């Protein structure tokens, strides 16, 4: 996808209001701003009584020059758009399968619009979601919107190293998490413990007090991990820890895993999968799996056979979905 993405990036730069960049002509915004300046100067001269025929001729020339610049810029944009199409055709040589018109019925159209709106909410694009909802027939309750705003607010706090909102959520949903055998609350406390222990300078006393209060309830389920957490302080400071058997505890990826874990549990509490449906569909279609599936269907129709095993599907493992028990 490097080729199409490269051409798309060029198109984006040309179509935006950014400076001309590699474009041969100024951006449309620059041309229009310059034209407005010329009009403003001409207006002031005539209001002051200093405007002449030469002023009008210069203004007419400015209008014509800016029109040519805008036409040239639009030509560059259209040429870049054509190159994007050619790059896509070169990348995806197999034609997409043809189907009967989809989402033609009012029910199907409404379902599609709702899926798109939910995708915007799930991915934190709240302003876009509000605009889309105002221009479509979809209705999503305010309570549902606030749930996703709450999710992204907590995720933002986690990225900043603040686990308090996430812990408050786990306390409210402790029974739900227990039924799922989730270790989210333990990992939140583990994160805070490591943050105290690995601070500069190390705050081992505060870390051990925190562990005694918050990690001890999880000792039976996570005995080995709790023991490692208690022992790692013997190898502080950080320079010594990184050369010890506990170096993995200083890996920043631990924090990213925590965000993913929280999002998974939060979405599960709403009865939703961790991955947004549109993202899964995009991965399958954009990754070329859709064309391979269609080719396989065509071959099987000719041979009058059927799928016999799920692992025969030409999809990446993370897109091989299975039914979730209700």
Protein backbone atom coordinates (compact mmCIF):
# COMPACT_ATOMS: atom_id res chain seq x y z
CA UNK A 1 0.00 0.00 0.00
CA UNK A 2 3.03 2.32 0.00
CA UNK A 3 2.34 3.54 -3.55
CA UNK A 4 -1.34 4.51 -3.08
CA UNK A 5 -0.63 6.03 0.34
CA UNK A 6 2.18 8.13 -1.08
CA UNK A 7 -0.04 9.46 -3.86
CA UNK A 8 -2.86 10.06 -1.38
CA UNK A 9 -0.50 12.10 0.81
CA UNK A 10 0.43 14.26 -2.19
CA UNK A 11 -3.24 14.77 -3.01
CA UNK A 12 -4.00 15.74 0.58
CA UNK A 13 -1.27 18.38 0.56
CA UNK A 14 -2.49 19.83 -2.73
CA UNK A 15 -6.16 19.86 -1.73
CA UNK A 16 -5.56 21.38 1.72
CA UNK A 17 -5.19 25.05 2.46
CA UNK A 18 -1.53 24.53 3.35
CA UNK A 19 1.25 26.40 1.52
CA UNK A 20 1.93 25.36 -2.04
CA UNK A 21 4.66 22.90 -1.08
CA UNK A 22 5.64 20.96 -4.18
CA UNK A 23 2.72 22.42 -6.13
CA UNK A 24 3.66 24.71 -9.02
CA UNK A 25 0.95 27.23 -8.14
CA UNK A 26 -0.13 28.82 -4.83
CA UNK A 27 -2.88 27.16 -2.83
CA UNK A 28 -6.44 28.25 -3.56
CA UNK A 29 -6.66 29.87 -0.12
CA UNK A 30 -3.56 31.95 -0.85
CA UNK A 31 -4.92 33.05 -4.23
CA UNK A 32 -8.29 34.04 -2.77
CA UNK A 33 -6.66 35.91 0.12
CA UNK A 34 -4.48 37.85 -2.32
CA UNK A 35 -7.54 38.69 -4.43
CA UNK A 36 -9.42 39.93 -1.36
CA UNK A 37 -6.45 42.14 -0.47
CA UNK A 38 -6.51 43.64 -3.98
CA UNK A 39 -10.25 44.31 -3.73
CA UNK A 40 -9.82 45.86 -0.30
CA UNK A 41 -7.05 48.20 -1.51
CA UNK A 42 -9.11 49.26 -4.55
CA UNK A 43 -12.16 49.93 -2.39
CA UNK A 44 -10.16 52.12 0.01
CA UNK A 45 -8.72 54.14 -2.87
CA UNK A 46 -12.12 54.87 -4.36
CA UNK A 47 -13.57 55.74 -0.95
CA UNK A 48 -10.65 58.16 -0.41
CA UNK A 49 -11.12 59.68 -3.86
CA UNK A 50 -7.74 58.49 -5.14
CA UNK A 51 -9.05 55.71 -7.37
CA UNK A 52 -8.41 56.05 -11.11
CA UNK A 53 -8.91 54.09 -14.30
CA UNK A 54 -5.50 52.54 -13.68
CA UNK A 55 -6.79 51.20 -10.35
CA UNK A 56 -9.65 49.42 -12.14
CA UNK A 57 -7.32 48.02 -14.79
CA UNK A 58 -4.95 46.70 -12.11
CA UNK A 59 -7.89 45.15 -10.27
CA UNK A 60 -9.16 43.46 -13.43
CA UNK A 61 -5.67 42.07 -14.08
CA UNK A 62 -5.45 40.79 -10.49
CA UNK A 63 -8.80 39.01 -10.88
CA UNK A 64 -7.66 37.37 -14.10
CA UNK A 65 -4.28 36.34 -12.65
CA UNK A 66 -5.84 34.78 -9.55
CA UNK A 67 -8.39 32.95 -11.69
CA UNK A 68 -5.55 31.39 -13.66
CA UNK A 69 -3.75 30.41 -10.45
CA UNK A 70 -6.89 28.73 -9.08
CA UNK A 71 -7.51 26.91 -12.37
CA UNK A 72 -3.91 25.70 -12.38
CA UNK A 73 -4.16 24.52 -8.78
CA UNK A 74 -7.39 22.63 -9.53
CA UNK A 75 -5.69 21.00 -12.50
CA UNK A 76 -2.87 19.82 -10.22
CA UNK A 77 -5.43 18.40 -7.77
CA UNK A 78 -7.30 16.52 -10.51
CA UNK A 79 -4.03 15.11 -11.87
CA UNK A 80 -3.05 13.96 -8.36
CA UNK A 81 -6.48 12.38 -7.95
CA UNK A 82 -6.01 10.50 -11.22
CA UNK A 83 -2.61 9.23 -10.01
CA UNK A 84 -4.26 7.91 -6.82
CA UNK A 85 -6.74 5.97 -8.95
CA UNK A 86 -3.96 4.53 -11.10
CA UNK A 87 -1.97 3.53 -8.02
CA UNK A 88 -5.02 1.74 -6.58
CA UNK A 89 -5.65 -0.05 -9.89
CA UNK A 90 -2.02 -1.13 -9.97
CA UNK A 91 -2.15 -2.38 -6.38
CA UNK A 92 -5.49 -4.20 -6.61
CA UNK A 93 -5.37 -5.96 -9.94
CA UNK A 94 -8.34 -8.24 -9.23
CA UNK A 95 -11.71 -6.52 -9.71
CA UNK A 96 -14.01 -6.32 -6.72
CA UNK A 97 -16.95 -8.73 -6.79
CA UNK A 98 -20.24 -7.39 -8.08
CA UNK A 99 -23.36 -7.79 -5.99
CA UNK A 100 -26.94 -6.74 -6.16
CA UNK A 101 -27.56 -3.22 -4.81
CA UNK A 102 -26.91 -3.32 -1.07
CA UNK A 103 -28.48 -1.22 1.67
CA UNK A 104 -31.34 -0.27 -0.63
CA UNK A 105 -34.17 -0.88 1.82
CA UNK A 106 -34.94 1.73 4.51
CA UNK A 107 -34.13 -0.81 7.25
CA UNK A 108 -30.73 -1.68 5.75
CA UNK A 109 -29.88 1.99 5.17
CA UNK A 110 -30.77 2.83 8.76
CA UNK A 111 -28.64 -0.07 10.04
CA UNK A 112 -25.67 1.12 7.97
CA UNK A 113 -26.02 4.69 9.18
CA UNK A 114 -26.24 3.50 12.78
CA UNK A 115 -23.07 1.43 12.32
CA UNK A 116 -21.23 4.47 10.96
CA UNK A 117 -22.46 6.68 13.81
CA UNK A 118 -21.45 4.10 16.40
CA UNK A 119 -18.01 3.86 14.78
CA UNK A 120 -17.49 7.61 15.19
CA UNK A 121 -18.52 7.40 18.84
CA UNK A 122 -16.36 4.34 19.56
CA UNK A 123 -13.29 5.97 18.04
CA UNK A 124 -13.76 9.23 19.96
CA UNK A 125 -14.76 11.38 16.96
CA UNK A 126 -17.58 13.01 18.88
CA UNK A 127 -17.95 16.20 16.81
CA UNK A 128 -18.09 14.16 13.61
CA UNK A 129 -20.64 11.83 15.21
CA UNK A 130 -22.86 14.76 16.23
CA UNK A 131 -22.74 16.19 12.71
CA UNK A 132 -23.49 12.79 11.17
CA UNK A 133 -26.42 12.18 13.54
CA UNK A 134 -27.89 15.60 12.76
CA UNK A 135 -27.80 14.84 9.02
CA UNK A 136 -29.13 11.27 9.18
CA UNK A 137 -32.18 9.46 10.50
CA UNK A 138 -30.23 7.68 13.23
CA UNK A 139 -31.07 8.24 16.88
CA UNK A 140 -28.62 7.24 19.60
CA UNK A 141 -29.56 7.91 23.19
CA UNK A 142 -27.67 10.52 25.16
CA UNK A 143 -26.85 7.87 27.76
CA UNK A 144 -25.14 5.77 25.07
CA UNK A 145 -23.13 8.75 23.86
CA UNK A 146 -22.04 9.58 27.40
CA UNK A 147 -20.81 6.01 27.86
CA UNK A 148 -18.37 6.40 24.98
CA UNK A 149 -17.33 9.84 26.18
CA UNK A 150 -16.67 8.27 29.58
CA UNK A 151 -14.59 5.52 27.92
CA UNK A 152 -12.38 7.96 26.04
CA UNK A 153 -12.07 10.21 29.08
CA UNK A 154 -10.76 7.28 31.12
CA UNK A 155 -8.45 6.21 28.28
CA UNK A 156 -7.03 9.74 28.16
CA UNK A 157 -6.36 9.60 31.90
CA UNK A 158 -4.62 6.23 31.51
CA UNK A 159 -2.36 7.63 28.80
CA UNK A 160 -1.42 10.40 31.23
CA UNK A 161 -0.65 7.87 33.97
CA UNK A 162 -3.76 8.56 36.07
CA UNK A 163 -5.52 5.32 37.03
CA UNK A 164 -8.07 6.88 39.40
CA UNK A 165 -10.99 7.08 36.90
CA UNK A 166 -10.29 3.53 35.70
CA UNK A 167 -10.21 2.22 39.27
CA UNK A 168 -13.50 3.95 40.05
CA UNK A 169 -15.03 2.20 37.04
CA UNK A 170 -13.70 -1.21 38.12
CA UNK A 171 -15.16 -0.72 41.61
CA UNK A 172 -18.59 -0.01 40.12
CA UNK A 173 -18.35 -3.07 37.84
CA UNK A 174 -16.47 -5.44 40.15
CA UNK A 175 -19.13 -8.17 39.95
CA UNK A 176 -19.13 -8.03 36.15
CA UNK A 177 -15.33 -8.27 36.05
CA UNK A 178 -15.32 -11.12 38.57
CA UNK A 179 -17.76 -13.12 36.42
CA UNK A 180 -15.40 -12.66 33.47
CA UNK A 181 -12.36 -13.66 35.57
CA UNK A 182 -10.84 -10.34 34.53
CA UNK A 183 -7.53 -9.23 36.01
CA UNK A 184 -8.04 -5.57 35.08
CA UNK A 185 -8.14 -4.24 38.65
CA UNK A 186 -4.97 -6.14 39.57
CA UNK A 187 -3.12 -4.72 36.56
CA UNK A 188 -4.25 -1.19 37.41
CA UNK A 189 -2.79 -1.52 40.91
CA UNK A 190 0.29 -3.19 39.44
CA UNK A 191 0.77 -0.15 37.19
CA UNK A 192 0.54 2.27 40.11
CA UNK A 193 2.93 0.18 42.21
CA UNK A 194 5.53 0.15 39.42
CA UNK A 195 5.06 3.86 38.89
CA UNK A 196 5.95 4.50 42.53
CA UNK A 197 8.80 1.99 42.63
CA UNK A 198 10.38 3.11 39.34
CA UNK A 199 10.10 6.84 39.97
CA UNK A 200 13.24 8.96 40.23
CA UNK A 201 14.43 8.73 42.88
CA UNK A 202 12.76 5.37 43.67
CA UNK A 203 10.01 5.63 46.30
CA UNK A 204 10.24 2.06 47.59
CA UNK A 205 8.58 2.72 50.95
CA UNK A 206 5.49 4.27 49.37
CA UNK A 207 5.40 1.47 46.77
CA UNK A 208 5.51 -1.27 49.41
CA UNK A 209 2.79 0.42 51.48
CA UNK A 210 0.65 0.69 48.35
CA UNK A 211 1.26 -2.99 47.57
CA UNK A 212 0.36 -4.09 51.10
CA UNK A 213 -3.00 -2.29 50.87
CA UNK A 214 -3.96 -2.86 47.23
CA UNK A 215 -2.10 -5.92 45.93
CA UNK A 216 -2.52 -8.26 48.89
CA UNK A 217 -6.19 -9.07 47.99
CA UNK A 218 -4.92 -10.46 44.67
CA UNK A 219 -2.11 -12.58 46.10
CA UNK A 220 -3.90 -15.92 45.76
CA UNK A 221 -4.81 -15.42 42.08
CA UNK A 222 -1.53 -13.74 41.07
CA UNK A 223 0.98 -15.14 43.53
CA UNK A 224 3.93 -15.43 41.16
CA UNK A 225 3.46 -11.92 39.76
CA UNK A 226 3.03 -10.33 43.19
CA UNK A 227 6.22 -12.03 44.36
CA UNK A 228 8.10 -10.63 41.36
CA UNK A 229 6.76 -7.15 42.09
CA UNK A 230 7.87 -7.34 45.71
CA UNK A 231 11.33 -8.62 44.77
CA UNK A 232 12.10 -6.21 41.94
CA UNK A 233 12.73 -3.34 44.39
CA UNK A 234 15.93 -5.13 45.44
CA UNK A 235 17.37 -4.30 42.00
CA UNK A 236 16.64 -0.57 42.02
CA UNK A 237 17.64 2.00 40.80
CA UNK A 238 16.54 1.69 37.17
CA UNK A 239 20.05 1.25 35.77
CA UNK A 240 20.45 -1.89 37.87
CA UNK A 241 16.91 -3.14 37.23
CA UNK A 242 17.39 -3.06 33.44
CA UNK A 243 20.22 -5.59 33.81
CA UNK A 244 18.24 -7.87 36.12
CA UNK A 245 15.70 -10.67 35.50
CA UNK A 246 13.01 -8.05 36.16
CA UNK A 247 13.88 -5.76 33.25
CA UNK A 248 10.52 -6.49 31.60
CA UNK A 249 8.76 -4.60 34.41
CA UNK A 250 10.30 -1.37 33.09
CA UNK A 251 9.00 -1.92 29.55
CA UNK A 252 6.73 1.01 28.51
CA UNK A 253 4.53 -1.39 26.50
CA UNK A 254 3.04 -2.53 29.81
CA UNK A 255 1.11 0.74 29.95
CA UNK A 256 -0.23 0.36 26.39
CA UNK A 257 -1.42 -3.16 27.21
CA UNK A 258 -3.30 -1.70 30.17
CA UNK A 259 -5.20 0.71 27.91
CA UNK A 260 -6.15 -2.11 25.55
CA UNK A 261 -7.26 -4.29 28.46
CA UNK A 262 -9.46 -1.56 29.89
CA UNK A 263 -11.08 -0.81 26.51
CA UNK A 264 -11.82 -4.52 26.08
CA UNK A 265 -13.58 -4.78 29.44
CA UNK A 266 -15.46 -1.52 29.01
CA UNK A 267 -16.81 -2.53 25.58
CA UNK A 268 -17.70 -5.98 26.94
CA UNK A 269 -19.76 -4.33 29.69
CA UNK A 270 -21.78 -2.65 26.91
CA UNK A 271 -22.20 -5.94 25.06
CA UNK A 272 -19.81 -4.91 22.28
CA UNK A 273 -16.68 -6.44 20.82
CA UNK A 274 -13.29 -4.85 21.43
CA UNK A 275 -12.81 -4.05 17.74
CA UNK A 276 -15.16 -1.70 15.91
CA UNK A 277 -17.08 -3.55 13.14
CA UNK A 278 -16.13 -1.02 10.45
CA UNK A 279 -12.45 -1.42 11.32
CA UNK A 280 -12.68 -5.21 11.01
CA UNK A 281 -14.46 -4.89 7.66
CA UNK A 282 -11.84 -2.41 6.46
CA UNK A 283 -9.01 -4.72 7.49
CA UNK A 284 -10.59 -7.64 5.64
CA UNK A 285 -11.43 -5.70 2.49
CA UNK A 286 -8.41 -3.41 2.43
CA UNK A 287 -6.03 -6.27 3.15
CA UNK A 288 -7.06 -8.09 -0.01
CA UNK A 289 -8.90 -10.89 1.79
CA UNK A 290 -12.23 -9.95 0.20
CA UNK A 291 -10.91 -10.51 -3.32
CA UNK A 292 -9.37 -13.85 -2.32
CA UNK A 293 -12.62 -14.96 -0.67
CA UNK A 294 -14.55 -14.10 -3.82
CA UNK A 295 -12.04 -15.97 -5.96
CA UNK A 296 -12.41 -18.99 -3.66
CA UNK A 297 -16.21 -18.80 -3.90
CA UNK A 298 -16.01 -18.73 -7.68
CA UNK A 299 -13.75 -21.79 -7.78
CA UNK A 300 -16.00 -23.65 -5.36
CA UNK A 301 -19.10 -22.84 -7.38
CA UNK A 302 -17.42 -24.30 -10.42
CA UNK A 303 -16.42 -27.44 -8.49
CA UNK A 304 -19.78 -27.60 -6.67
CA UNK A 305 -18.12 -27.85 -3.26
CA UNK A 306 -18.45 -26.04 0.08
CA UNK A 307 -16.22 -24.76 2.88
CA UNK A 308 -15.32 -27.68 5.12
CA UNK A 309 -13.13 -25.98 7.74
CA UNK A 310 -13.00 -22.46 9.10
CA UNK A 311 -9.21 -22.33 8.76
CA UNK A 312 -9.62 -22.61 4.99
CA UNK A 313 -10.85 -19.01 4.87
CA UNK A 314 -8.11 -16.73 3.45
CA UNK A 315 -8.33 -14.25 6.34
CA UNK A 316 -5.64 -13.19 8.82
CA UNK A 317 -6.03 -14.85 12.21
CA UNK A 318 -7.16 -11.63 13.92
CA UNK A 319 -10.07 -11.41 11.47
CA UNK A 320 -11.28 -15.00 11.85
CA UNK A 321 -14.29 -14.25 14.00
CA UNK A 322 -16.21 -16.78 16.07
CA UNK A 323 -19.68 -16.57 17.61
CA UNK A 324 -19.79 -15.14 21.13
CA UNK A 325 -22.02 -17.01 23.61
CA UNK A 326 -24.93 -14.89 24.79
